[in-house]
Amino acid sequence: MISEAQFNRGTLDCMTALRRLLKQDTGVVIRLAEPDAIERLLQLSHDSQRADIRELGLRLSNMLEPLAGVEDGGRAQGAIASRRYRVARLPDPATEVPAPASTSVRIYRGQIIRN
């Protein structure tokens, strides 16, 4: 599953382009709203015979890797660096509240909205 911090316009564009190429190449239709869409995109791109599809799948998987290397606690940083710091921090399992299984996610004007 993709986290909110990793989801941006570049990630969405990459997912859309990969989805389109996979549909042309294999005929498989993947809806981005499906819960396992990213895993299916990555698996199909890895198994593809076309180099451009494999390269796009590798680019997507690199976009989804957790960010690391921010160590100063998020002080005196720009907005992007502080967001990267929040993504890189590991959550405390004792305080983490599990999300309900029936939560749906949609995007409205660039905002991620959970229902």
N, C-alpha and C. Protein backbone atom coordinates (compact mmCIF):
# COMPACT_ATOMS: atom_id res chain seq x y z
N MET A 1 0.84 -1.17 0.00
CA MET A 1 0.00 0.00 0.00
C MET A 1 0.88 1.23 0.00
N ILE A 2 0.47 2.26 -0.66
CA ILE A 2 1.25 3.49 -0.77
C ILE A 2 0.86 4.44 0.35
N SER A 3 1.85 5.07 0.95
CA SER A 3 1.54 6.02 2.02
C SER A 3 1.21 7.37 1.41
N GLU A 4 0.56 8.21 2.18
CA GLU A 4 0.17 9.53 1.69
C GLU A 4 1.37 10.38 1.34
N ALA A 5 2.45 10.25 2.10
CA ALA A 5 3.63 11.07 1.86
C ALA A 5 4.32 10.68 0.55
N GLN A 6 4.20 9.44 0.13
CA GLN A 6 4.82 8.99 -1.10
C GLN A 6 3.95 9.26 -2.32
N PHE A 7 2.72 9.59 -2.11
CA PHE A 7 1.80 9.80 -3.22
C PHE A 7 1.85 11.26 -3.65
N ASN A 8 2.33 11.49 -4.86
CA ASN A 8 2.38 12.84 -5.41
C ASN A 8 2.09 12.78 -6.90
N ARG A 9 2.19 13.90 -7.55
CA ARG A 9 1.86 13.97 -8.98
C ARG A 9 2.78 13.09 -9.82
N GLY A 10 4.07 13.06 -9.47
CA GLY A 10 5.02 12.24 -10.21
C GLY A 10 4.70 10.76 -10.09
N THR A 11 4.33 10.34 -8.88
CA THR A 11 3.97 8.94 -8.66
C THR A 11 2.71 8.59 -9.45
N LEU A 12 1.72 9.46 -9.40
CA LEU A 12 0.48 9.22 -10.14
C LEU A 12 0.73 9.16 -11.64
N ASP A 13 1.56 10.07 -12.17
CA ASP A 13 1.88 10.05 -13.60
C ASP A 13 2.58 8.77 -14.00
N CYS A 14 3.51 8.31 -13.16
CA CYS A 14 4.23 7.07 -13.44
C CYS A 14 3.27 5.87 -13.41
N MET A 15 2.38 5.84 -12.42
CA MET A 15 1.42 4.75 -12.33
C MET A 15 0.49 4.74 -13.53
N THR A 16 0.05 5.91 -13.96
CA THR A 16 -0.86 6.01 -15.10
C THR A 16 -0.18 5.57 -16.39
N ALA A 17 1.07 6.01 -16.59
CA ALA A 17 1.80 5.62 -17.79
C ALA A 17 2.06 4.11 -17.81
N LEU A 18 2.44 3.57 -16.67
CA LEU A 18 2.69 2.13 -16.58
C LEU A 18 1.40 1.34 -16.82
N ARG A 19 0.32 1.80 -16.25
CA ARG A 19 -0.98 1.15 -16.44
C ARG A 19 -1.37 1.13 -17.91
N ARG A 20 -1.15 2.27 -18.59
CA ARG A 20 -1.50 2.38 -20.01
C ARG A 20 -0.65 1.44 -20.87
N LEU A 21 0.67 1.39 -20.60
CA LEU A 21 1.54 0.51 -21.37
C LEU A 21 1.22 -0.97 -21.12
N LEU A 22 0.92 -1.31 -19.89
CA LEU A 22 0.56 -2.70 -19.59
C LEU A 22 -0.75 -3.10 -20.26
N LYS A 23 -1.68 -2.17 -20.33
CA LYS A 23 -2.95 -2.47 -20.99
C LYS A 23 -2.73 -2.69 -22.49
N GLN A 24 -1.87 -1.87 -23.10
CA GLN A 24 -1.57 -2.05 -24.52
C GLN A 24 -0.82 -3.35 -24.78
N ASP A 25 0.12 -3.67 -23.91
CA ASP A 25 0.98 -4.82 -24.12
C ASP A 25 0.30 -6.15 -23.79
N THR A 26 -0.36 -6.21 -22.63
CA THR A 26 -0.92 -7.49 -22.17
C THR A 26 -2.44 -7.55 -22.21
N GLY A 27 -3.10 -6.41 -22.30
CA GLY A 27 -4.56 -6.39 -22.29
C GLY A 27 -5.16 -6.43 -20.89
N VAL A 28 -4.31 -6.37 -19.86
CA VAL A 28 -4.77 -6.41 -18.48
C VAL A 28 -5.22 -5.01 -18.07
N VAL A 29 -6.43 -4.92 -17.52
CA VAL A 29 -6.95 -3.64 -17.05
C VAL A 29 -6.79 -3.58 -15.53
N ILE A 30 -6.02 -2.59 -15.07
CA ILE A 30 -5.81 -2.38 -13.64
C ILE A 30 -6.39 -1.02 -13.28
N ARG A 31 -7.30 -1.02 -12.36
CA ARG A 31 -7.87 0.24 -11.89
C ARG A 31 -7.03 0.72 -10.72
N LEU A 32 -6.66 2.01 -10.75
CA LEU A 32 -5.78 2.55 -9.71
C LEU A 32 -6.47 2.60 -8.35
N ALA A 33 -7.79 2.48 -8.31
CA ALA A 33 -8.51 2.50 -7.04
C ALA A 33 -8.50 1.14 -6.35
N GLU A 34 -8.05 0.10 -7.03
CA GLU A 34 -7.99 -1.22 -6.42
C GLU A 34 -6.95 -1.23 -5.30
N PRO A 35 -7.20 -1.97 -4.23
CA PRO A 35 -6.25 -1.96 -3.11
C PRO A 35 -4.89 -2.53 -3.46
N ASP A 36 -4.82 -3.47 -4.40
CA ASP A 36 -3.54 -4.08 -4.75
C ASP A 36 -3.03 -3.61 -6.11
N ALA A 37 -3.45 -2.43 -6.55
CA ALA A 37 -3.09 -1.94 -7.88
C ALA A 37 -1.59 -1.77 -8.03
N ILE A 38 -0.93 -1.23 -7.04
CA ILE A 38 0.51 -0.99 -7.14
C ILE A 38 1.28 -2.30 -7.21
N GLU A 39 0.89 -3.25 -6.37
CA GLU A 39 1.57 -4.54 -6.39
C GLU A 39 1.40 -5.23 -7.74
N ARG A 40 0.20 -5.14 -8.29
CA ARG A 40 -0.05 -5.76 -9.61
C ARG A 40 0.72 -5.05 -10.70
N LEU A 41 0.77 -3.71 -10.66
CA LEU A 41 1.54 -2.96 -11.65
C LEU A 41 3.00 -3.36 -11.61
N LEU A 42 3.56 -3.43 -10.40
CA LEU A 42 4.97 -3.77 -10.26
C LEU A 42 5.25 -5.21 -10.71
N GLN A 43 4.36 -6.13 -10.35
CA GLN A 43 4.56 -7.54 -10.73
C GLN A 43 4.47 -7.70 -12.25
N LEU A 44 3.47 -7.10 -12.87
CA LEU A 44 3.32 -7.24 -14.32
C LEU A 44 4.46 -6.56 -15.06
N SER A 45 4.93 -5.43 -14.53
CA SER A 45 6.05 -4.75 -15.20
C SER A 45 7.33 -5.57 -15.06
N HIS A 46 7.51 -6.21 -13.93
CA HIS A 46 8.70 -7.05 -13.72
C HIS A 46 8.70 -8.25 -14.66
N ASP A 47 7.52 -8.81 -14.93
CA ASP A 47 7.40 -9.99 -15.78
C ASP A 47 7.31 -9.66 -17.28
N SER A 48 7.27 -8.38 -17.62
CA SER A 48 7.08 -7.96 -19.01
C SER A 48 8.33 -8.25 -19.86
N GLN A 49 8.10 -8.45 -21.13
CA GLN A 49 9.19 -8.66 -22.09
C GLN A 49 9.77 -7.33 -22.59
N ARG A 50 8.99 -6.26 -22.49
CA ARG A 50 9.42 -4.96 -23.01
C ARG A 50 10.28 -4.22 -21.99
N ALA A 51 11.39 -3.69 -22.46
CA ALA A 51 12.35 -3.00 -21.59
C ALA A 51 11.77 -1.69 -21.05
N ASP A 52 10.98 -0.99 -21.86
CA ASP A 52 10.43 0.29 -21.39
C ASP A 52 9.43 0.09 -20.25
N ILE A 53 8.69 -0.99 -20.30
CA ILE A 53 7.74 -1.30 -19.21
C ILE A 53 8.50 -1.69 -17.95
N ARG A 54 9.54 -2.51 -18.10
CA ARG A 54 10.34 -2.87 -16.93
C ARG A 54 11.02 -1.66 -16.31
N GLU A 55 11.52 -0.76 -17.15
CA GLU A 55 12.17 0.46 -16.65
C GLU A 55 11.18 1.36 -15.90
N LEU A 56 9.97 1.48 -16.43
CA LEU A 56 8.95 2.30 -15.77
C LEU A 56 8.52 1.67 -14.45
N GLY A 57 8.44 0.36 -14.40
CA GLY A 57 8.13 -0.33 -13.14
C GLY A 57 9.22 -0.14 -12.11
N LEU A 58 10.47 -0.17 -12.55
CA LEU A 58 11.59 0.07 -11.64
C LEU A 58 11.57 1.50 -11.12
N ARG A 59 11.24 2.43 -12.00
CA ARG A 59 11.14 3.85 -11.58
C ARG A 59 10.04 4.03 -10.53
N LEU A 60 8.90 3.36 -10.73
CA LEU A 60 7.81 3.44 -9.76
C LEU A 60 8.22 2.83 -8.42
N SER A 61 8.89 1.70 -8.46
CA SER A 61 9.30 1.08 -7.19
C SER A 61 10.32 1.95 -6.46
N ASN A 62 11.18 2.65 -7.20
CA ASN A 62 12.13 3.58 -6.56
C ASN A 62 11.41 4.77 -5.94
N MET A 63 10.33 5.22 -6.57
CA MET A 63 9.55 6.33 -6.01
C MET A 63 8.87 5.93 -4.71
N LEU A 64 8.55 4.66 -4.56
CA LEU A 64 7.80 4.20 -3.40
C LEU A 64 8.69 3.75 -2.24
N GLU A 65 10.01 3.71 -2.46
CA GLU A 65 10.90 3.35 -1.36
C GLU A 65 10.85 4.43 -0.29
N PRO A 66 10.94 4.05 0.98
CA PRO A 66 10.92 5.05 2.04
C PRO A 66 12.16 5.93 1.97
N LEU A 67 11.96 7.20 2.27
CA LEU A 67 13.05 8.16 2.26
C LEU A 67 13.86 8.02 3.54
N ALA A 68 15.16 8.17 3.45
CA ALA A 68 16.02 8.06 4.62
C ALA A 68 17.11 9.13 4.54
N GLY A 69 17.83 9.30 5.63
CA GLY A 69 18.96 10.21 5.63
C GLY A 69 18.69 11.54 6.31
N VAL A 70 17.49 11.80 6.77
CA VAL A 70 17.21 13.04 7.48
C VAL A 70 17.33 12.75 8.96
N GLU A 71 18.26 13.45 9.64
CA GLU A 71 18.55 13.08 11.01
C GLU A 71 18.45 14.21 12.02
N ASP A 72 18.21 15.41 11.60
CA ASP A 72 18.29 16.52 12.56
C ASP A 72 16.96 16.86 13.21
N GLY A 73 15.96 16.02 13.10
CA GLY A 73 14.72 16.23 13.82
C GLY A 73 13.73 17.17 13.14
N GLY A 74 14.00 17.61 11.94
CA GLY A 74 13.04 18.44 11.21
C GLY A 74 13.08 19.91 11.57
N ARG A 75 14.06 20.34 12.35
CA ARG A 75 14.13 21.75 12.72
C ARG A 75 14.89 22.53 11.65
N ALA A 76 14.47 23.75 11.43
CA ALA A 76 15.13 24.67 10.51
C ALA A 76 15.25 24.08 9.10
N GLN A 77 14.15 23.52 8.62
CA GLN A 77 14.13 22.92 7.29
C GLN A 77 13.03 23.57 6.48
N GLY A 78 13.11 23.36 5.20
CA GLY A 78 12.02 23.78 4.34
C GLY A 78 10.87 22.81 4.47
N ALA A 79 9.78 23.13 3.81
CA ALA A 79 8.58 22.31 3.92
C ALA A 79 8.79 20.91 3.37
N ILE A 80 9.49 20.79 2.25
CA ILE A 80 9.70 19.48 1.64
C ILE A 80 10.60 18.62 2.52
N ALA A 81 11.68 19.19 3.03
CA ALA A 81 12.60 18.42 3.87
C ALA A 81 11.92 17.96 5.15
N SER A 82 11.07 18.80 5.74
CA SER A 82 10.40 18.38 6.97
C SER A 82 9.40 17.26 6.69
N ARG A 83 8.75 17.28 5.53
CA ARG A 83 7.85 16.18 5.17
C ARG A 83 8.63 14.89 4.96
N ARG A 84 9.80 14.99 4.34
CA ARG A 84 10.63 13.80 4.16
C ARG A 84 11.05 13.24 5.50
N TYR A 85 11.32 14.12 6.45
CA TYR A 85 11.72 13.66 7.78
C TYR A 85 10.57 12.88 8.42
N ARG A 86 9.35 13.41 8.30
CA ARG A 86 8.20 12.72 8.89
C ARG A 86 7.99 11.35 8.25
N VAL A 87 8.27 11.24 6.95
CA VAL A 87 8.11 9.96 6.27
C VAL A 87 9.18 8.99 6.72
N ALA A 88 10.40 9.48 6.91
CA ALA A 88 11.52 8.62 7.26
C ALA A 88 11.43 8.09 8.68
N ARG A 89 10.76 8.83 9.57
CA ARG A 89 10.64 8.37 10.96
C ARG A 89 9.79 7.12 11.02
N LEU A 90 10.19 6.20 11.82
CA LEU A 90 9.40 4.99 12.00
C LEU A 90 8.35 5.25 13.08
N PRO A 91 7.10 4.86 12.85
CA PRO A 91 6.07 5.09 13.85
C PRO A 91 6.25 4.17 15.06
N ASP A 92 5.82 4.64 16.20
CA ASP A 92 5.87 3.85 17.41
C ASP A 92 4.69 2.89 17.40
N PRO A 93 4.93 1.58 17.42
CA PRO A 93 3.82 0.62 17.33
C PRO A 93 2.86 0.71 18.52
N ALA A 94 3.33 1.21 19.67
CA ALA A 94 2.47 1.30 20.85
C ALA A 94 1.42 2.39 20.68
N THR A 95 1.76 3.46 19.98
CA THR A 95 0.83 4.57 19.81
C THR A 95 0.10 4.55 18.48
N GLU A 96 0.51 3.67 17.59
CA GLU A 96 -0.11 3.62 16.28
C GLU A 96 -1.50 3.00 16.35
N VAL A 97 -2.47 3.68 15.75
CA VAL A 97 -3.84 3.19 15.72
C VAL A 97 -4.07 2.53 14.37
N PRO A 98 -4.49 1.27 14.34
CA PRO A 98 -4.71 0.62 13.05
C PRO A 98 -5.88 1.26 12.31
N ALA A 99 -5.71 1.39 11.00
CA ALA A 99 -6.77 1.97 10.17
C ALA A 99 -7.87 0.94 9.97
N PRO A 100 -9.11 1.39 9.88
CA PRO A 100 -10.20 0.45 9.62
C PRO A 100 -10.03 -0.19 8.25
N ALA A 101 -10.44 -1.43 8.14
CA ALA A 101 -10.24 -2.17 6.90
C ALA A 101 -11.13 -1.65 5.77
N SER A 102 -12.23 -1.00 6.09
CA SER A 102 -13.15 -0.55 5.05
C SER A 102 -12.94 0.90 4.66
N THR A 103 -11.79 1.48 4.97
CA THR A 103 -11.53 2.87 4.63
C THR A 103 -11.32 2.99 3.12
N SER A 104 -12.03 3.89 2.50
CA SER A 104 -11.81 4.16 1.09
C SER A 104 -11.06 5.48 0.96
N VAL A 105 -10.25 5.56 -0.07
CA VAL A 105 -9.43 6.74 -0.28
C VAL A 105 -9.76 7.29 -1.65
N ARG A 106 -9.90 8.60 -1.72
CA ARG A 106 -10.11 9.25 -3.02
C ARG A 106 -9.31 10.54 -3.02
N ILE A 107 -9.11 11.08 -4.20
CA ILE A 107 -8.33 12.30 -4.35
C ILE A 107 -9.25 13.39 -4.87
N TYR A 108 -9.27 14.52 -4.18
CA TYR A 108 -10.08 15.65 -4.58
C TYR A 108 -9.19 16.88 -4.58
N ARG A 109 -8.98 17.46 -5.75
CA ARG A 109 -8.14 18.64 -5.91
C ARG A 109 -6.78 18.50 -5.24
N GLY A 110 -6.17 17.35 -5.42
CA GLY A 110 -4.85 17.12 -4.89
C GLY A 110 -4.80 16.70 -3.44
N GLN A 111 -5.95 16.63 -2.77
CA GLN A 111 -6.00 16.24 -1.37
C GLN A 111 -6.44 14.78 -1.28
N ILE A 112 -5.85 14.03 -0.40
CA ILE A 112 -6.25 12.65 -0.17
C ILE A 112 -7.32 12.64 0.91
N ILE A 113 -8.49 12.10 0.55
CA ILE A 113 -9.64 12.10 1.45
C ILE A 113 -10.00 10.67 1.79
N ARG A 114 -10.05 10.39 3.08
CA ARG A 114 -10.42 9.04 3.54
C ARG A 114 -11.87 9.06 3.99
N ASN A 115 -12.62 8.06 3.55
CA ASN A 115 -14.03 7.94 3.94
C ASN A 115 -14.21 6.80 4.89
